[in-house]
């Protein structure tokens, strides 16, 4: 519900302002630094050359507005794909101690807020628990534990929280491939599935695709030589009846997804092969 989400954001912003006012050196806050302009250069170039679209990255509001315009009427999933690629261009958000960084770096770029914290989900995030304790102390409800008055201690705690958060994100991404592999393995002899995917990158020996149905990213490689056009983000491969086929970023393709045992880890690893517009198995 968007209304609930707006009130949750308002609560987080209000709490951040209150605890920073009361504890200017030890407030537990969360920031999202603006991305370097160079971070979006490659995506900007791809969008312009492949779709004739541009992104305005001068501010988070302008970026959001320009992302809203990246629409393909024939392909509803295109906008989601561009948003995923744009997110990867940004710096990760992080928890920090208010007395450890300059005041002008407190802002949250993604939410267009000058100050922010996590307060609304204490049952699943330790940072929220810390924010609750600081808010309780700031309104005189309960005193703050002596250890939380120490800036070095708060910094150390938040370093751990940030590290654990990154590990959880990596585990979440890895679990997608793991559970897709389990689902395919459960199919027995037919441990494979064919799905549509979008090309998100091209290389000298293949391409990277994103299967939106599973939220799964994979590589399709070619053993034989292919033509790679780095300037236009395309590859050209031999097609049916000797005709060449050109495939570029944002093109929709069909891939066959299977599970193969990794030689090093002996674990099941998802493998992808191109089915359409060409078969890549023997290429």
C-alpha atoms as a PDB file:
ATOM      1  CA  UNK A   1       0.000   0.000   0.000  1.00  0.00           C
ATOM      2  CA  UNK A   2       1.598   3.257  -1.138  1.00  0.00           C
ATOM      3  CA  UNK A   3      -0.014   5.310   1.649  1.00  0.00           C
ATOM      4  CA  UNK A   4       1.451   3.023   4.328  1.00  0.00           C
ATOM      5  CA  UNK A   5       4.833   3.244   2.624  1.00  0.00           C
ATOM      6  CA  UNK A   6       4.700   7.056   2.663  1.00  0.00           C
ATOM      7  CA  UNK A   7       3.950   7.099   6.395  1.00  0.00           C
ATOM      8  CA  UNK A   8       6.787   4.626   7.043  1.00  0.00           C
ATOM      9  CA  UNK A   9       9.211   6.894   5.194  1.00  0.00           C
ATOM     10  CA  UNK A  10       7.918   9.898   7.150  1.00  0.00           C
ATOM     11  CA  UNK A  11       8.402   7.992  10.420  1.00  0.00           C
ATOM     12  CA  UNK A  12      11.980   7.084   9.500  1.00  0.00           C
ATOM     13  CA  UNK A  13      12.802  10.670   8.506  1.00  0.00           C
ATOM     14  CA  UNK A  14      11.180  12.130  11.644  1.00  0.00           C
ATOM     15  CA  UNK A  15      12.995   9.714  13.956  1.00  0.00           C
ATOM     16  CA  UNK A  16      16.302  10.411  12.198  1.00  0.00           C
ATOM     17  CA  UNK A  17      15.908  14.147  12.784  1.00  0.00           C
ATOM     18  CA  UNK A  18      14.972  13.638  16.441  1.00  0.00           C
ATOM     19  CA  UNK A  19      17.813  11.305  17.403  1.00  0.00           C
ATOM     20  CA  UNK A  20      20.352  13.398  15.496  1.00  0.00           C
ATOM     21  CA  UNK A  21      19.192  16.487  17.382  1.00  0.00           C
ATOM     22  CA  UNK A  22      19.464  14.695  20.742  1.00  0.00           C
ATOM     23  CA  UNK A  23      22.617  12.688  20.004  1.00  0.00           C
ATOM     24  CA  UNK A  24      24.541  14.687  17.378  1.00  0.00           C
ATOM     25  CA  UNK A  25      27.646  12.492  17.701  1.00  0.00           C
ATOM     26  CA  UNK A  26      26.185   8.985  18.031  1.00  0.00           C
ATOM     27  CA  UNK A  27      22.851   8.934  16.159  1.00  0.00           C
ATOM     28  CA  UNK A  28      22.352   5.787  14.078  1.00  0.00           C
ATOM     29  CA  UNK A  29      21.493   7.027  10.588  1.00  0.00           C
ATOM     30  CA  UNK A  30      21.422   5.672   7.048  1.00  0.00           C
ATOM     31  CA  UNK A  31      22.740   7.478   4.001  1.00  0.00           C
ATOM     32  CA  UNK A  32      22.854   6.924   0.259  1.00  0.00           C
ATOM     33  CA  UNK A  33      25.537   8.989  -1.434  1.00  0.00           C
ATOM     34  CA  UNK A  34      24.892  10.400  -4.917  1.00  0.00           C
ATOM     35  CA  UNK A  35      26.477   8.244  -7.628  1.00  0.00           C
ATOM     36  CA  UNK A  36      29.451   9.642  -9.555  1.00  0.00           C
ATOM     37  CA  UNK A  37      28.275  10.988 -12.909  1.00  0.00           C
ATOM     38  CA  UNK A  38      30.618   8.561 -14.645  1.00  0.00           C
ATOM     39  CA  UNK A  39      28.687   5.620 -13.159  1.00  0.00           C
ATOM     40  CA  UNK A  40      25.801   6.163 -15.562  1.00  0.00           C
ATOM     41  CA  UNK A  41      27.877   6.803 -18.687  1.00  0.00           C
ATOM     42  CA  UNK A  42      27.735   3.232 -20.000  1.00  0.00           C
ATOM     43  CA  UNK A  43      23.991   2.856 -19.342  1.00  0.00           C
ATOM     44  CA  UNK A  44      23.353   6.261 -20.917  1.00  0.00           C
ATOM     45  CA  UNK A  45      25.263   5.222 -24.021  1.00  0.00           C
ATOM     46  CA  UNK A  46      23.473   1.878 -24.279  1.00  0.00           C
ATOM     47  CA  UNK A  47      20.028   3.456 -23.885  1.00  0.00           C
ATOM     48  CA  UNK A  48      20.750   6.140 -26.448  1.00  0.00           C
ATOM     49  CA  UNK A  49      22.212   3.832 -29.082  1.00  0.00           C
ATOM     50  CA  UNK A  50      19.850   0.916 -28.619  1.00  0.00           C
ATOM     51  CA  UNK A  51      16.582   2.695 -27.798  1.00  0.00           C
ATOM     52  CA  UNK A  52      17.093   6.429 -28.389  1.00  0.00           C
ATOM     53  CA  UNK A  53      16.395   7.176 -24.714  1.00  0.00           C
ATOM     54  CA  UNK A  54      18.266   9.294 -22.166  1.00  0.00           C
ATOM     55  CA  UNK A  55      18.471   9.559 -18.389  1.00  0.00           C
ATOM     56  CA  UNK A  56      18.741  12.800 -16.414  1.00  0.00           C
ATOM     57  CA  UNK A  57      21.035  11.986 -13.495  1.00  0.00           C
ATOM     58  CA  UNK A  58      21.418  15.568 -12.222  1.00  0.00           C
ATOM     59  CA  UNK A  59      19.268  14.699  -9.185  1.00  0.00           C
ATOM     60  CA  UNK A  60      17.383  11.722  -7.781  1.00  0.00           C
ATOM     61  CA  UNK A  61      14.065  13.357  -8.675  1.00  0.00           C
ATOM     62  CA  UNK A  62      15.109  13.932 -12.280  1.00  0.00           C
ATOM     63  CA  UNK A  63      16.452  10.393 -12.502  1.00  0.00           C
ATOM     64  CA  UNK A  64      13.148   8.980 -11.247  1.00  0.00           C
ATOM     65  CA  UNK A  65      11.207  11.091 -13.751  1.00  0.00           C
ATOM     66  CA  UNK A  66      13.401  10.022 -16.666  1.00  0.00           C
ATOM     67  CA  UNK A  67      13.172   6.360 -15.630  1.00  0.00           C
ATOM     68  CA  UNK A  68       9.385   6.681 -15.754  1.00  0.00           C
ATOM     69  CA  UNK A  69       9.738   7.635 -19.423  1.00  0.00           C
ATOM     70  CA  UNK A  70      11.802   4.567 -20.340  1.00  0.00           C
ATOM     71  CA  UNK A  71       8.806   2.616 -21.569  1.00  0.00           C
ATOM     72  CA  UNK A  72       8.342   0.174 -24.413  1.00  0.00           C
ATOM     73  CA  UNK A  73       4.586  -0.179 -25.109  1.00  0.00           C
ATOM     74  CA  UNK A  74       5.219  -3.590 -26.653  1.00  0.00           C
ATOM     75  CA  UNK A  75       7.262  -4.859 -23.716  1.00  0.00           C
ATOM     76  CA  UNK A  76       6.034  -4.013 -20.173  1.00  0.00           C
ATOM     77  CA  UNK A  77       9.096  -5.635 -18.567  1.00  0.00           C
ATOM     78  CA  UNK A  78      11.476  -3.213 -20.299  1.00  0.00           C
ATOM     79  CA  UNK A  79      11.004  -0.456 -17.701  1.00  0.00           C
ATOM     80  CA  UNK A  80      11.748  -2.875 -14.861  1.00  0.00           C
ATOM     81  CA  UNK A  81      14.900  -4.000 -16.653  1.00  0.00           C
ATOM     82  CA  UNK A  82      16.160  -0.426 -17.071  1.00  0.00           C
ATOM     83  CA  UNK A  83      15.467   0.290 -13.388  1.00  0.00           C
ATOM     84  CA  UNK A  84      17.492  -2.763 -12.362  1.00  0.00           C
ATOM     85  CA  UNK A  85      20.386  -1.645 -14.546  1.00  0.00           C
ATOM     86  CA  UNK A  86      20.147   1.905 -13.151  1.00  0.00           C
ATOM     87  CA  UNK A  87      20.222   0.611  -9.575  1.00  0.00           C
ATOM     88  CA  UNK A  88      23.481  -1.187 -10.320  1.00  0.00           C
ATOM     89  CA  UNK A  89      25.028   2.144 -11.292  1.00  0.00           C
ATOM     90  CA  UNK A  90      24.389   3.585  -7.837  1.00  0.00           C
ATOM     91  CA  UNK A  91      26.449   3.389  -4.684  1.00  0.00           C
ATOM     92  CA  UNK A  92      25.071   1.129  -1.926  1.00  0.00           C
ATOM     93  CA  UNK A  93      23.308   2.740   1.028  1.00  0.00           C
ATOM     94  CA  UNK A  94      24.978   2.348   4.414  1.00  0.00           C
ATOM     95  CA  UNK A  95      24.425   2.854   8.132  1.00  0.00           C
ATOM     96  CA  UNK A  96      26.686   5.390   9.827  1.00  0.00           C
ATOM     97  CA  UNK A  97      27.279   7.215  13.075  1.00  0.00           C
ATOM     98  CA  UNK A  98      26.282  10.881  12.794  1.00  0.00           C
ATOM     99  CA  UNK A  99      29.491  12.152  14.370  1.00  0.00           C
ATOM    100  CA  UNK A 100      31.708  10.202  11.984  1.00  0.00           C
ATOM    101  CA  UNK A 101      30.994  11.970   8.684  1.00  0.00           C
ATOM    102  CA  UNK A 102      30.441  15.592   7.537  1.00  0.00           C
ATOM    103  CA  UNK A 103      26.891  16.911   7.929  1.00  0.00           C
ATOM    104  CA  UNK A 104      26.535  17.575   4.203  1.00  0.00           C
ATOM    105  CA  UNK A 105      26.922  13.843   3.464  1.00  0.00           C
ATOM    106  CA  UNK A 106      23.933  12.729   5.566  1.00  0.00           C
ATOM    107  CA  UNK A 107      21.463  12.689   2.667  1.00  0.00           C
ATOM    108  CA  UNK A 108      19.706   9.717   1.113  1.00  0.00           C
ATOM    109  CA  UNK A 109      19.926  10.096  -2.674  1.00  0.00           C
ATOM    110  CA  UNK A 110      17.464   7.344  -3.544  1.00  0.00           C
ATOM    111  CA  UNK A 111      14.732   8.773  -1.302  1.00  0.00           C
ATOM    112  CA  UNK A 112      15.595  12.444  -1.901  1.00  0.00           C
ATOM    113  CA  UNK A 113      15.779  13.061   1.848  1.00  0.00           C
ATOM    114  CA  UNK A 114      18.330  15.204   3.698  1.00  0.00           C
ATOM    115  CA  UNK A 115      18.376  12.777   6.649  1.00  0.00           C
ATOM    116  CA  UNK A 116      17.176   9.198   7.121  1.00  0.00           C
ATOM    117  CA  UNK A 117      17.330   6.145   9.355  1.00  0.00           C
ATOM    118  CA  UNK A 118      15.704   2.727   9.656  1.00  0.00           C
ATOM    119  CA  UNK A 119      13.147   2.668  12.461  1.00  0.00           C
ATOM    120  CA  UNK A 120      10.028   0.849  11.266  1.00  0.00           C
ATOM    121  CA  UNK A 121      11.240  -2.788  11.193  1.00  0.00           C
ATOM    122  CA  UNK A 122      12.927  -3.656  14.510  1.00  0.00           C
ATOM    123  CA  UNK A 123      11.824  -7.296  14.248  1.00  0.00           C
ATOM    124  CA  UNK A 124      14.108  -7.885  11.259  1.00  0.00           C
ATOM    125  CA  UNK A 125      16.880  -5.253  11.423  1.00  0.00           C
ATOM    126  CA  UNK A 126      19.241  -4.563  14.306  1.00  0.00           C
ATOM    127  CA  UNK A 127      19.813  -0.987  13.114  1.00  0.00           C
ATOM    128  CA  UNK A 128      16.116  -0.317  13.800  1.00  0.00           C
ATOM    129  CA  UNK A 129      16.535  -1.652  17.342  1.00  0.00           C
ATOM    130  CA  UNK A 130      19.351   0.833  17.905  1.00  0.00           C
ATOM    131  CA  UNK A 131      17.213   3.657  16.510  1.00  0.00           C
ATOM    132  CA  UNK A 132      14.368   2.626  18.859  1.00  0.00           C
ATOM    133  CA  UNK A 133      16.705   2.738  21.854  1.00  0.00           C
ATOM    134  CA  UNK A 134      17.999   6.171  20.893  1.00  0.00           C
ATOM    135  CA  UNK A 135      14.501   7.527  20.318  1.00  0.00           C
ATOM    136  CA  UNK A 136      13.325   6.132  23.664  1.00  0.00           C
ATOM    137  CA  UNK A 137      16.210   7.922  25.374  1.00  0.00           C
ATOM    138  CA  UNK A 138      15.635  11.149  23.451  1.00  0.00           C
ATOM    139  CA  UNK A 139      12.024  11.419  24.662  1.00  0.00           C
ATOM    140  CA  UNK A 140      12.901  10.434  28.230  1.00  0.00           C
ATOM    141  CA  UNK A 141      11.219   7.024  28.108  1.00  0.00           C
ATOM    142  CA  UNK A 142      14.257   4.947  29.073  1.00  0.00           C
ATOM    143  CA  UNK A 143      17.949   5.794  29.471  1.00  0.00           C
ATOM    144  CA  UNK A 144      20.455   4.799  26.820  1.00  0.00           C
ATOM    145  CA  UNK A 145      22.886   2.022  27.716  1.00  0.00           C
ATOM    146  CA  UNK A 146      26.320   3.484  28.575  1.00  0.00           C
ATOM    147  CA  UNK A 147      27.999   1.578  25.715  1.00  0.00           C
ATOM    148  CA  UNK A 148      25.792   3.371  23.195  1.00  0.00           C
ATOM    149  CA  UNK A 149      27.153   6.727  24.341  1.00  0.00           C
ATOM    150  CA  UNK A 150      30.544   5.726  22.952  1.00  0.00           C
ATOM    151  CA  UNK A 151      31.062   6.837  19.347  1.00  0.00           C
ATOM    152  CA  UNK A 152      33.799   4.237  18.667  1.00  0.00           C
ATOM    153  CA  UNK A 153      31.481   1.508  19.954  1.00  0.00           C
ATOM    154  CA  UNK A 154      28.561   2.665  17.796  1.00  0.00           C
ATOM    155  CA  UNK A 155      30.880   2.877  14.778  1.00  0.00           C
ATOM    156  CA  UNK A 156      32.079  -0.663  15.404  1.00  0.00           C
ATOM    157  CA  UNK A 157      28.527  -1.973  15.737  1.00  0.00           C
ATOM    158  CA  UNK A 158      27.444  -0.273  12.501  1.00  0.00           C
ATOM    159  CA  UNK A 159      30.468  -1.667  10.653  1.00  0.00           C
ATOM    160  CA  UNK A 160      29.241  -5.137  11.581  1.00  0.00           C
ATOM    161  CA  UNK A 161      25.660  -4.274  10.607  1.00  0.00           C
ATOM    162  CA  UNK A 162      26.780  -2.995   7.192  1.00  0.00           C
ATOM    163  CA  UNK A 163      28.926  -6.069   6.591  1.00  0.00           C
ATOM    164  CA  UNK A 164      26.124  -8.440   7.570  1.00  0.00           C
ATOM    165  CA  UNK A 165      23.704  -6.537   5.355  1.00  0.00           C
ATOM    166  CA  UNK A 166      25.998  -6.963   2.349  1.00  0.00           C
ATOM    167  CA  UNK A 167      26.398 -10.658   3.118  1.00  0.00           C
ATOM    168  CA  UNK A 168      22.616 -11.060   3.334  1.00  0.00           C
ATOM    169  CA  UNK A 169      22.222  -9.387  -0.053  1.00  0.00           C
ATOM    170  CA  UNK A 170      24.798 -11.696  -1.625  1.00  0.00           C
ATOM    171  CA  UNK A 171      23.151 -14.718  -0.036  1.00  0.00           C
ATOM    172  CA  UNK A 172      19.778 -13.592  -1.363  1.00  0.00           C
ATOM    173  CA  UNK A 173      21.094 -13.303  -4.902  1.00  0.00           C
ATOM    174  CA  UNK A 174      22.854 -16.655  -4.670  1.00  0.00           C
ATOM    175  CA  UNK A 175      19.700 -18.300  -3.330  1.00  0.00           C
ATOM    176  CA  UNK A 176      17.842 -17.438  -6.538  1.00  0.00           C
ATOM    177  CA  UNK A 177      20.191 -19.595  -8.593  1.00  0.00           C
ATOM    178  CA  UNK A 178      20.213 -22.260  -5.866  1.00  0.00           C
ATOM    179  CA  UNK A 179      16.433 -22.662  -5.723  1.00  0.00           C
ATOM    180  CA  UNK A 180      16.027 -22.483  -9.494  1.00  0.00           C
ATOM    181  CA  UNK A 181      18.556 -25.310  -9.618  1.00  0.00           C
ATOM    182  CA  UNK A 182      16.615 -27.326  -7.039  1.00  0.00           C
ATOM    183  CA  UNK A 183      13.364 -26.797  -8.931  1.00  0.00           C
ATOM    184  CA  UNK A 184      14.935 -27.987 -12.174  1.00  0.00           C
ATOM    185  CA  UNK A 185      16.586 -30.958 -10.491  1.00  0.00           C
ATOM    186  CA  UNK A 186      13.211 -32.009  -9.085  1.00  0.00           C
ATOM    187  CA  UNK A 187      11.927 -32.383 -12.648  1.00  0.00           C
ATOM    188  CA  UNK A 188      14.020 -35.526 -13.006  1.00  0.00           C
ATOM    189  CA  UNK A 189      14.970 -36.470 -16.553  1.00  0.00           C
ATOM    190  CA  UNK A 190      13.570 -33.176 -17.857  1.00  0.00           C
ATOM    191  CA  UNK A 191      15.759 -31.006 -15.648  1.00  0.00           C
ATOM    192  CA  UNK A 192      15.536 -28.007 -17.945  1.00  0.00           C
ATOM    193  CA  UNK A 193      13.217 -25.174 -18.831  1.00  0.00           C
ATOM    194  CA  UNK A 194      12.952 -22.723 -21.709  1.00  0.00           C
ATOM    195  CA  UNK A 195      12.180 -19.080 -20.923  1.00  0.00           C
ATOM    196  CA  UNK A 196      12.330 -15.637 -22.484  1.00  0.00           C
ATOM    197  CA  UNK A 197      15.176 -13.359 -21.411  1.00  0.00           C
ATOM    198  CA  UNK A 198      16.604  -9.911 -22.106  1.00  0.00           C
ATOM    199  CA  UNK A 199      20.169  -9.260 -23.216  1.00  0.00           C
ATOM    200  CA  UNK A 200      21.816  -6.933 -20.688  1.00  0.00           C
ATOM    201  CA  UNK A 201      25.464  -7.046 -21.836  1.00  0.00           C
ATOM    202  CA  UNK A 202      27.497  -8.231 -24.812  1.00  0.00           C
ATOM    203  CA  UNK A 203      31.062  -9.582 -24.837  1.00  0.00           C
ATOM    204  CA  UNK A 204      33.638 -10.808 -27.300  1.00  0.00           C
ATOM    205  CA  UNK A 205      32.623 -14.404 -26.656  1.00  0.00           C
ATOM    206  CA  UNK A 206      28.968 -14.135 -25.698  1.00  0.00           C
ATOM    207  CA  UNK A 207      26.347 -12.188 -23.810  1.00  0.00           C
ATOM    208  CA  UNK A 208      24.693 -11.811 -20.426  1.00  0.00           C
ATOM    209  CA  UNK A 209      20.945 -12.268 -20.116  1.00  0.00           C
ATOM    210  CA  UNK A 210      18.321 -11.583 -17.473  1.00  0.00           C
ATOM    211  CA  UNK A 211      15.375 -13.958 -17.063  1.00  0.00           C
ATOM    212  CA  UNK A 212      12.744 -11.676 -15.529  1.00  0.00           C
ATOM    213  CA  UNK A 213      10.405 -14.549 -14.607  1.00  0.00           C
ATOM    214  CA  UNK A 214      12.981 -15.932 -12.164  1.00  0.00           C
ATOM    215  CA  UNK A 215      14.973 -12.765 -11.462  1.00  0.00           C
ATOM    216  CA  UNK A 216      17.946 -14.786 -12.681  1.00  0.00           C
ATOM    217  CA  UNK A 217      21.011 -13.550 -14.537  1.00  0.00           C
ATOM    218  CA  UNK A 218      23.237 -15.830 -16.589  1.00  0.00           C
ATOM    219  CA  UNK A 219      25.910 -16.004 -19.261  1.00  0.00           C
ATOM    220  CA  UNK A 220      25.597 -17.454 -22.747  1.00  0.00           C
ATOM    221  CA  UNK A 221      28.999 -18.154 -24.290  1.00  0.00           C
ATOM    222  CA  UNK A 222      30.061 -19.152 -27.787  1.00  0.00           C
ATOM    223  CA  UNK A 223      33.047 -21.443 -28.404  1.00  0.00           C
ATOM    224  CA  UNK A 224      33.424 -20.315 -32.001  1.00  0.00           C
ATOM    225  CA  UNK A 225      34.508 -16.835 -33.052  1.00  0.00           C
ATOM    226  CA  UNK A 226      31.741 -14.240 -33.221  1.00  0.00           C
ATOM    227  CA  UNK A 227      31.668 -10.618 -34.341  1.00  0.00           C
ATOM    228  CA  UNK A 228      31.585  -8.204 -31.432  1.00  0.00           C
ATOM    229  CA  UNK A 229      30.609  -4.566 -31.975  1.00  0.00           C
ATOM    230  CA  UNK A 230      31.540  -2.777 -28.752  1.00  0.00           C
ATOM    231  CA  UNK A 231      30.386   0.587 -30.082  1.00  0.00           C
ATOM    232  CA  UNK A 232      26.833  -0.574 -30.801  1.00  0.00           C
ATOM    233  CA  UNK A 233      26.634  -3.213 -28.031  1.00  0.00           C
ATOM    234  CA  UNK A 234      25.889  -6.099 -30.399  1.00  0.00           C
ATOM    235  CA  UNK A 235      27.272  -9.461 -31.411  1.00  0.00           C
ATOM    236  CA  UNK A 236      26.815 -11.128 -34.782  1.00  0.00           C
ATOM    237  CA  UNK A 237      26.676 -14.920 -35.010  1.00  0.00           C
ATOM    238  CA  UNK A 238      26.049 -17.448 -37.788  1.00  0.00           C
ATOM    239  CA  UNK A 239      22.343 -18.093 -38.188  1.00  0.00           C
ATOM    240  CA  UNK A 240      20.141 -20.630 -39.948  1.00  0.00           C
ATOM    241  CA  UNK A 241      20.879 -21.263 -43.622  1.00  0.00           C
ATOM    242  CA  UNK A 242      24.185 -19.411 -43.420  1.00  0.00           C
ATOM    243  CA  UNK A 243      22.649 -16.025 -42.642  1.00  0.00           C
ATOM    244  CA  UNK A 244      24.196 -13.937 -39.900  1.00  0.00           C
ATOM    245  CA  UNK A 245      22.094 -12.875 -36.914  1.00  0.00           C
ATOM    246  CA  UNK A 246      22.809  -9.727 -34.899  1.00  0.00           C
ATOM    247  CA  UNK A 247      21.844  -9.632 -31.217  1.00  0.00           C
ATOM    248  CA  UNK A 248      22.124  -6.521 -29.047  1.00  0.00           C
ATOM    249  CA  UNK A 249      21.487  -5.211 -25.564  1.00  0.00           C
ATOM    250  CA  UNK A 250      17.756  -5.012 -24.680  1.00  0.00           C
ATOM    251  CA  UNK A 251      16.857  -7.590 -27.344  1.00  0.00           C
ATOM    252  CA  UNK A 252      14.527 -10.342 -26.214  1.00  0.00           C
ATOM    253  CA  UNK A 253      15.849 -13.874 -26.697  1.00  0.00           C
ATOM    254  CA  UNK A 254      14.867 -17.374 -25.642  1.00  0.00           C
ATOM    255  CA  UNK A 255      17.214 -19.421 -23.470  1.00  0.00           C
ATOM    256  CA  UNK A 256      17.333 -23.006 -22.282  1.00  0.00           C
ATOM    257  CA  UNK A 257      18.139 -23.256 -18.567  1.00  0.00           C
ATOM    258  CA  UNK A 258      19.747 -26.410 -17.179  1.00  0.00           C
ATOM    259  CA  UNK A 259      21.716 -27.463 -14.105  1.00  0.00           C
ATOM    260  CA  UNK A 260      25.250 -28.831 -14.375  1.00  0.00           C
ATOM    261  CA  UNK A 261      27.598 -29.947 -11.601  1.00  0.00           C
ATOM    262  CA  UNK A 262      30.433 -27.497 -11.074  1.00  0.00           C
ATOM    263  CA  UNK A 263      33.814 -29.218 -11.451  1.00  0.00           C
ATOM    264  CA  UNK A 264      35.353 -27.292  -8.561  1.00  0.00           C
ATOM    265  CA  UNK A 265      32.570 -27.169  -5.965  1.00  0.00           C
ATOM    266  CA  UNK A 266      30.619 -30.260  -7.092  1.00  0.00           C
ATOM    267  CA  UNK A 267      27.447 -28.226  -6.626  1.00  0.00           C
ATOM    268  CA  UNK A 268      24.698 -27.766  -9.140  1.00  0.00           C
ATOM    269  CA  UNK A 269      25.211 -24.630 -11.219  1.00  0.00           C
ATOM    270  CA  UNK A 270      22.673 -23.058 -13.562  1.00  0.00           C
ATOM    271  CA  UNK A 271      23.758 -23.022 -17.202  1.00  0.00           C
ATOM    272  CA  UNK A 272      22.083 -21.164 -20.060  1.00  0.00           C
ATOM    273  CA  UNK A 273      22.114 -21.751 -23.794  1.00  0.00           C
ATOM    274  CA  UNK A 274      20.554 -19.632 -26.499  1.00  0.00           C
ATOM    275  CA  UNK A 275      17.569 -21.179 -28.279  1.00  0.00           C
ATOM    276  CA  UNK A 276      16.244 -18.205 -30.253  1.00  0.00           C
ATOM    277  CA  UNK A 277      17.103 -16.427 -32.483  1.00  0.00           C
ATOM    278  CA  UNK A 278      19.918 -18.996 -32.870  1.00  0.00           C
ATOM    279  CA  UNK A 279      21.004 -22.207 -31.166  1.00  0.00           C
ATOM    280  CA  UNK A 280      24.238 -21.668 -29.223  1.00  0.00           C
ATOM    281  CA  UNK A 281      24.816 -25.237 -28.001  1.00  0.00           C
ATOM    282  CA  UNK A 282      27.131 -26.217 -30.856  1.00  0.00           C
ATOM    283  CA  UNK A 283      28.590 -22.774 -31.497  1.00  0.00           C
END
